[in-house]
Amino acid sequence: MLVKFFIFLIRIYQKTLSPFLGHSCRYEPSCSNYAILALQKYGLIKGSLKAIWRILRCNPWSKGGVDYP
């Protein structure tokens, strides 16, 4: 139930804020899509931790690339 709520919040972010920020994620899938996939695959706690770690790695000094949860 909470997983669906967090996915809902991420989707709101994708529809409202993300278009104004431009494409800045260095990874494929994007960090928000990665978070959704991680939540679906691993559940709330482990999925959230993986998503947070991914967001921390998405910076100008990172190569990026393809990275699925």
PDB file of N, CA and C in Angstrom:
ATOM      1  N   MET A   1       0.820  -1.187   0.000  1.00  0.00           N
ATOM      2  CA  MET A   1       0.000   0.000   0.000  1.00  0.00           C
ATOM      3  C   MET A   1       0.869   1.258   0.000  1.00  0.00           C
ATOM      4  N   LEU A   2       1.880   1.289   0.867  1.00  0.00           N
ATOM      5  CA  LEU A   2       2.771   2.450   0.890  1.00  0.00           C
ATOM      6  C   LEU A   2       3.609   2.546  -0.374  1.00  0.00           C
ATOM      7  N   VAL A   3       3.974   1.404  -0.930  1.00  0.00           N
ATOM      8  CA  VAL A   3       4.748   1.405  -2.170  1.00  0.00           C
ATOM      9  C   VAL A   3       3.957   2.108  -3.263  1.00  0.00           C
ATOM     10  N   LYS A   4       2.681   1.786  -3.380  1.00  0.00           N
ATOM     11  CA  LYS A   4       1.839   2.424  -4.396  1.00  0.00           C
ATOM     12  C   LYS A   4       1.732   3.925  -4.158  1.00  0.00           C
ATOM     13  N   PHE A   5       1.675   4.340  -2.895  1.00  0.00           N
ATOM     14  CA  PHE A   5       1.610   5.765  -2.576  1.00  0.00           C
ATOM     15  C   PHE A   5       2.891   6.476  -3.013  1.00  0.00           C
ATOM     16  N   PHE A   6       4.037   5.885  -2.731  1.00  0.00           N
ATOM     17  CA  PHE A   6       5.304   6.503  -3.128  1.00  0.00           C
ATOM     18  C   PHE A   6       5.456   6.540  -4.647  1.00  0.00           C
ATOM     19  N   ILE A   7       5.009   5.497  -5.318  1.00  0.00           N
ATOM     20  CA  ILE A   7       5.034   5.498  -6.782  1.00  0.00           C
ATOM     21  C   ILE A   7       4.127   6.600  -7.312  1.00  0.00           C
ATOM     22  N   PHE A   8       2.972   6.786  -6.684  1.00  0.00           N
ATOM     23  CA  PHE A   8       2.058   7.866  -7.056  1.00  0.00           C
ATOM     24  C   PHE A   8       2.750   9.221  -6.912  1.00  0.00           C
ATOM     25  N   LEU A   9       3.479   9.433  -5.811  1.00  0.00           N
ATOM     26  CA  LEU A   9       4.199  10.698  -5.605  1.00  0.00           C
ATOM     27  C   LEU A   9       5.277  10.909  -6.672  1.00  0.00           C
ATOM     28  N   ILE A  10       5.978   9.856  -7.023  1.00  0.00           N
ATOM     29  CA  ILE A  10       7.005   9.959  -8.064  1.00  0.00           C
ATOM     30  C   ILE A  10       6.369  10.314  -9.401  1.00  0.00           C
ATOM     31  N   ARG A  11       5.234   9.704  -9.698  1.00  0.00           N
ATOM     32  CA  ARG A  11       4.531  10.018 -10.957  1.00  0.00           C
ATOM     33  C   ARG A  11       4.080  11.478 -10.989  1.00  0.00           C
ATOM     34  N   ILE A  12       3.629  12.001  -9.855  1.00  0.00           N
ATOM     35  CA  ILE A  12       3.262  13.423  -9.789  1.00  0.00           C
ATOM     36  C   ILE A  12       4.486  14.277 -10.092  1.00  0.00           C
ATOM     37  N   TYR A  13       5.627  13.934  -9.482  1.00  0.00           N
ATOM     38  CA  TYR A  13       6.874  14.647  -9.773  1.00  0.00           C
ATOM     39  C   TYR A  13       7.192  14.594 -11.267  1.00  0.00           C
ATOM     40  N   GLN A  14       7.072  13.410 -11.870  1.00  0.00           N
ATOM     41  CA  GLN A  14       7.388  13.250 -13.293  1.00  0.00           C
ATOM     42  C   GLN A  14       6.490  14.114 -14.173  1.00  0.00           C
ATOM     43  N   LYS A  15       5.239  14.255 -13.803  1.00  0.00           N
ATOM     44  CA  LYS A  15       4.286  15.008 -14.630  1.00  0.00           C
ATOM     45  C   LYS A  15       4.353  16.516 -14.387  1.00  0.00           C
ATOM     46  N   THR A  16       4.743  16.938 -13.179  1.00  0.00           N
ATOM     47  CA  THR A  16       4.678  18.361 -12.840  1.00  0.00           C
ATOM     48  C   THR A  16       6.039  19.052 -12.825  1.00  0.00           C
ATOM     49  N   LEU A  17       6.981  18.548 -12.075  1.00  0.00           N
ATOM     50  CA  LEU A  17       8.273  19.229 -11.905  1.00  0.00           C
ATOM     51  C   LEU A  17       9.321  18.828 -12.933  1.00  0.00           C
ATOM     52  N   SER A  18       9.395  17.556 -13.224  1.00  0.00           N
ATOM     53  CA  SER A  18      10.439  17.049 -14.106  1.00  0.00           C
ATOM     54  C   SER A  18      10.504  17.741 -15.469  1.00  0.00           C
ATOM     55  N   PRO A  19       9.375  18.032 -16.125  1.00  0.00           N
ATOM     56  CA  PRO A  19       9.464  18.698 -17.433  1.00  0.00           C
ATOM     57  C   PRO A  19      10.154  20.067 -17.380  1.00  0.00           C
ATOM     58  N   PHE A  20      10.077  20.734 -16.233  1.00  0.00           N
ATOM     59  CA  PHE A  20      10.693  22.053 -16.097  1.00  0.00           C
ATOM     60  C   PHE A  20      12.176  21.972 -15.755  1.00  0.00           C
ATOM     61  N   LEU A  21      12.619  20.829 -15.268  1.00  0.00           N
ATOM     62  CA  LEU A  21      14.023  20.666 -14.888  1.00  0.00           C
ATOM     63  C   LEU A  21      14.895  20.233 -16.056  1.00  0.00           C
ATOM     64  N   GLY A  22      14.286  19.740 -17.110  1.00  0.00           N
ATOM     65  CA  GLY A  22      15.060  19.272 -18.256  1.00  0.00           C
ATOM     66  C   GLY A  22      15.626  17.891 -17.998  1.00  0.00           C
ATOM     67  N   HIS A  23      16.211  17.312 -19.038  1.00  0.00           N
ATOM     68  CA  HIS A  23      16.787  15.970 -18.915  1.00  0.00           C
ATOM     69  C   HIS A  23      18.192  16.095 -18.336  1.00  0.00           C
ATOM     70  N   SER A  24      18.331  15.810 -17.053  1.00  0.00           N
ATOM     71  CA  SER A  24      19.634  15.968 -16.419  1.00  0.00           C
ATOM     72  C   SER A  24      20.177  14.666 -15.840  1.00  0.00           C
ATOM     73  N   CYS A  25      19.409  13.597 -15.918  1.00  0.00           N
ATOM     74  CA  CYS A  25      19.880  12.333 -15.361  1.00  0.00           C
ATOM     75  C   CYS A  25      20.900  11.704 -16.307  1.00  0.00           C
ATOM     76  N   ARG A  26      22.000  11.233 -15.743  1.00  0.00           N
ATOM     77  CA  ARG A  26      23.077  10.635 -16.526  1.00  0.00           C
ATOM     78  C   ARG A  26      22.855   9.138 -16.756  1.00  0.00           C
ATOM     79  N   TYR A  27      21.829   8.606 -16.158  1.00  0.00           N
ATOM     80  CA  TYR A  27      21.585   7.168 -16.217  1.00  0.00           C
ATOM     81  C   TYR A  27      20.353   6.834 -17.050  1.00  0.00           C
ATOM     82  N   GLU A  28      20.302   5.589 -17.473  1.00  0.00           N
ATOM     83  CA  GLU A  28      19.124   5.027 -18.127  1.00  0.00           C
ATOM     84  C   GLU A  28      18.737   3.786 -17.338  1.00  0.00           C
ATOM     85  N   PRO A  29      17.563   3.660 -16.813  1.00  0.00           N
ATOM     86  CA  PRO A  29      16.445   4.596 -16.844  1.00  0.00           C
ATOM     87  C   PRO A  29      16.718   5.806 -15.959  1.00  0.00           C
ATOM     88  N   SER A  30      15.903   6.833 -16.121  1.00  0.00           N
ATOM     89  CA  SER A  30      16.071   8.043 -15.314  1.00  0.00           C
ATOM     90  C   SER A  30      15.950   7.684 -13.829  1.00  0.00           C
ATOM     91  N   CYS A  31      16.434   8.565 -12.981  1.00  0.00           N
ATOM     92  CA  CYS A  31      16.422   8.280 -11.541  1.00  0.00           C
ATOM     93  C   CYS A  31      15.005   8.054 -11.014  1.00  0.00           C
ATOM     94  N   SER A  32      14.042   8.819 -11.513  1.00  0.00           N
ATOM     95  CA  SER A  32      12.670   8.624 -11.034  1.00  0.00           C
ATOM     96  C   SER A  32      12.108   7.289 -11.521  1.00  0.00           C
ATOM     97  N   ASN A  33      12.399   6.903 -12.749  1.00  0.00           N
ATOM     98  CA  ASN A  33      11.947   5.590 -13.228  1.00  0.00           C
ATOM     99  C   ASN A  33      12.672   4.465 -12.495  1.00  0.00           C
ATOM    100  N   TYR A  34      13.940   4.667 -12.191  1.00  0.00           N
ATOM    101  CA  TYR A  34      14.697   3.692 -11.406  1.00  0.00           C
ATOM    102  C   TYR A  34      14.041   3.506 -10.041  1.00  0.00           C
ATOM    103  N   ALA A  35      13.639   4.612  -9.416  1.00  0.00           N
ATOM    104  CA  ALA A  35      13.001   4.537  -8.101  1.00  0.00           C
ATOM    105  C   ALA A  35      11.719   3.716  -8.168  1.00  0.00           C
ATOM    106  N   ILE A  36      10.923   3.934  -9.202  1.00  0.00           N
ATOM    107  CA  ILE A  36       9.689   3.159  -9.364  1.00  0.00           C
ATOM    108  C   ILE A  36      10.009   1.674  -9.528  1.00  0.00           C
ATOM    109  N   LEU A  37      10.970   1.361 -10.385  1.00  0.00           N
ATOM    110  CA  LEU A  37      11.342  -0.039 -10.603  1.00  0.00           C
ATOM    111  C   LEU A  37      11.876  -0.679  -9.323  1.00  0.00           C
ATOM    112  N   ALA A  38      12.700   0.059  -8.581  1.00  0.00           N
ATOM    113  CA  ALA A  38      13.272  -0.471  -7.343  1.00  0.00           C
ATOM    114  C   ALA A  38      12.184  -0.709  -6.298  1.00  0.00           C
ATOM    115  N   LEU A  39      11.238   0.214  -6.183  1.00  0.00           N
ATOM    116  CA  LEU A  39      10.137   0.034  -5.235  1.00  0.00           C
ATOM    117  C   LEU A  39       9.295  -1.181  -5.605  1.00  0.00           C
ATOM    118  N   GLN A  40       9.034  -1.357  -6.881  1.00  0.00           N
ATOM    119  CA  GLN A  40       8.238  -2.505  -7.325  1.00  0.00           C
ATOM    120  C   GLN A  40       8.974  -3.821  -7.104  1.00  0.00           C
ATOM    121  N   LYS A  41      10.268  -3.817  -7.315  1.00  0.00           N
ATOM    122  CA  LYS A  41      11.043  -5.058  -7.223  1.00  0.00           C
ATOM    123  C   LYS A  41      11.411  -5.428  -5.784  1.00  0.00           C
ATOM    124  N   TYR A  42      11.812  -4.424  -4.979  1.00  0.00           N
ATOM    125  CA  TYR A  42      12.366  -4.701  -3.658  1.00  0.00           C
ATOM    126  C   TYR A  42      11.488  -4.281  -2.485  1.00  0.00           C
ATOM    127  N   GLY A  43      10.401  -3.573  -2.745  1.00  0.00           N
ATOM    128  CA  GLY A  43       9.566  -3.117  -1.642  1.00  0.00           C
ATOM    129  C   GLY A  43      10.012  -1.755  -1.126  1.00  0.00           C
ATOM    130  N   LEU A  44       9.334  -1.300  -0.085  1.00  0.00           N
ATOM    131  CA  LEU A  44       9.508   0.074   0.379  1.00  0.00           C
ATOM    132  C   LEU A  44      10.904   0.371   0.924  1.00  0.00           C
ATOM    133  N   ILE A  45      11.389  -0.433   1.833  1.00  0.00           N
ATOM    134  CA  ILE A  45      12.648  -0.089   2.506  1.00  0.00           C
ATOM    135  C   ILE A  45      13.851  -0.282   1.587  1.00  0.00           C
ATOM    136  N   LYS A  46      14.050  -1.479   1.080  1.00  0.00           N
ATOM    137  CA  LYS A  46      15.214  -1.730   0.222  1.00  0.00           C
ATOM    138  C   LYS A  46      15.117  -0.931  -1.075  1.00  0.00           C
ATOM    139  N   GLY A  47      13.918  -0.831  -1.651  1.00  0.00           N
ATOM    140  CA  GLY A  47      13.725  -0.052  -2.872  1.00  0.00           C
ATOM    141  C   GLY A  47      14.039   1.416  -2.667  1.00  0.00           C
ATOM    142  N   SER A  48      13.611   1.964  -1.530  1.00  0.00           N
ATOM    143  CA  SER A  48      13.903   3.371  -1.223  1.00  0.00           C
ATOM    144  C   SER A  48      15.395   3.603  -1.040  1.00  0.00           C
ATOM    145  N   LEU A  49      16.051   2.677  -0.350  1.00  0.00           N
ATOM    146  CA  LEU A  49      17.498   2.814  -0.145  1.00  0.00           C
ATOM    147  C   LEU A  49      18.249   2.754  -1.471  1.00  0.00           C
ATOM    148  N   LYS A  50      17.845   1.844  -2.344  1.00  0.00           N
ATOM    149  CA  LYS A  50      18.485   1.746  -3.661  1.00  0.00           C
ATOM    150  C   LYS A  50      18.236   3.021  -4.472  1.00  0.00           C
ATOM    151  N   ALA A  51      17.030   3.577  -4.387  1.00  0.00           N
ATOM    152  CA  ALA A  51      16.707   4.805  -5.116  1.00  0.00           C
ATOM    153  C   ALA A  51      17.523   5.986  -4.584  1.00  0.00           C
ATOM    154  N   ILE A  52      17.650   6.084  -3.272  1.00  0.00           N
ATOM    155  CA  ILE A  52      18.441   7.168  -2.673  1.00  0.00           C
ATOM    156  C   ILE A  52      19.898   7.040  -3.092  1.00  0.00           C
ATOM    157  N   TRP A  53      20.448   5.822  -3.060  1.00  0.00           N
ATOM    158  CA  TRP A  53      21.842   5.605  -3.474  1.00  0.00           C
ATOM    159  C   TRP A  53      22.034   5.990  -4.931  1.00  0.00           C
ATOM    160  N   ARG A  54      21.067   5.669  -5.759  1.00  0.00           N
ATOM    161  CA  ARG A  54      21.130   6.024  -7.187  1.00  0.00           C
ATOM    162  C   ARG A  54      21.138   7.541  -7.370  1.00  0.00           C
ATOM    163  N   ILE A  55      20.258   8.239  -6.656  1.00  0.00           N
ATOM    164  CA  ILE A  55      20.185   9.701  -6.761  1.00  0.00           C
ATOM    165  C   ILE A  55      21.501  10.327  -6.313  1.00  0.00           C
ATOM    166  N   LEU A  56      22.105   9.782  -5.274  1.00  0.00           N
ATOM    167  CA  LEU A  56      23.396  10.302  -4.807  1.00  0.00           C
ATOM    168  C   LEU A  56      24.500  10.082  -5.839  1.00  0.00           C
ATOM    169  N   ARG A  57      24.411   8.998  -6.602  1.00  0.00           N
ATOM    170  CA  ARG A  57      25.415   8.717  -7.638  1.00  0.00           C
ATOM    171  C   ARG A  57      25.212   9.551  -8.896  1.00  0.00           C
ATOM    172  N   CYS A  58      24.046  10.125  -9.077  1.00  0.00           N
ATOM    173  CA  CYS A  58      23.733  10.906 -10.282  1.00  0.00           C
ATOM    174  C   CYS A  58      24.237  12.335 -10.077  1.00  0.00           C
ATOM    175  N   ASN A  59      25.469  12.562 -10.463  1.00  0.00           N
ATOM    176  CA  ASN A  59      26.092  13.872 -10.279  1.00  0.00           C
ATOM    177  C   ASN A  59      27.029  14.155 -11.454  1.00  0.00           C
ATOM    178  N   PRO A  60      27.525  15.376 -11.556  1.00  0.00           N
ATOM    179  CA  PRO A  60      28.367  15.736 -12.707  1.00  0.00           C
ATOM    180  C   PRO A  60      29.658  14.923 -12.831  1.00  0.00           C
ATOM    181  N   TRP A  61      30.097  14.275 -11.757  1.00  0.00           N
ATOM    182  CA  TRP A  61      31.350  13.523 -11.797  1.00  0.00           C
ATOM    183  C   TRP A  61      31.129  12.046 -12.096  1.00  0.00           C
ATOM    184  N   SER A  62      29.896  11.671 -12.319  1.00  0.00           N
ATOM    185  CA  SER A  62      29.553  10.281 -12.603  1.00  0.00           C
ATOM    186  C   SER A  62      29.484  10.051 -14.110  1.00  0.00           C
ATOM    187  N   LYS A  63      29.951   8.898 -14.558  1.00  0.00           N
ATOM    188  CA  LYS A  63      29.854   8.554 -15.977  1.00  0.00           C
ATOM    189  C   LYS A  63      28.412   8.323 -16.393  1.00  0.00           C
ATOM    190  N   GLY A  64      27.638   7.727 -15.510  1.00  0.00           N
ATOM    191  CA  GLY A  64      26.264   7.368 -15.856  1.00  0.00           C
ATOM    192  C   GLY A  64      26.234   6.074 -16.630  1.00  0.00           C
ATOM    193  N   GLY A  65      25.233   5.920 -17.476  1.00  0.00           N
ATOM    194  CA  GLY A  65      25.098   4.716 -18.284  1.00  0.00           C
ATOM    195  C   GLY A  65      23.840   3.952 -17.944  1.00  0.00           C
ATOM    196  N   VAL A  66      23.779   2.726 -18.414  1.00  0.00           N
ATOM    197  CA  VAL A  66      22.609   1.883 -18.168  1.00  0.00           C
ATOM    198  C   VAL A  66      22.761   1.239 -16.796  1.00  0.00           C
ATOM    199  N   ASP A  67      21.737   1.378 -15.965  1.00  0.00           N
ATOM    200  CA  ASP A  67      21.792   0.866 -14.593  1.00  0.00           C
ATOM    201  C   ASP A  67      20.373   0.555 -14.128  1.00  0.00           C
ATOM    202  N   TYR A  68      20.006  -0.719 -14.174  1.00  0.00           N
ATOM    203  CA  TYR A  68      18.677  -1.137 -13.715  1.00  0.00           C
ATOM    204  C   TYR A  68      18.776  -1.699 -12.311  1.00  0.00           C
ATOM    205  N   PRO A  69      17.699  -1.565 -11.521  1.00  0.00           N
ATOM    206  CA  PRO A  69      17.751  -2.119 -10.150  1.00  0.00           C
ATOM    207  C   PRO A  69      17.765  -3.636 -10.148  1.00  0.00           C
TER     208      PRO A  69
END
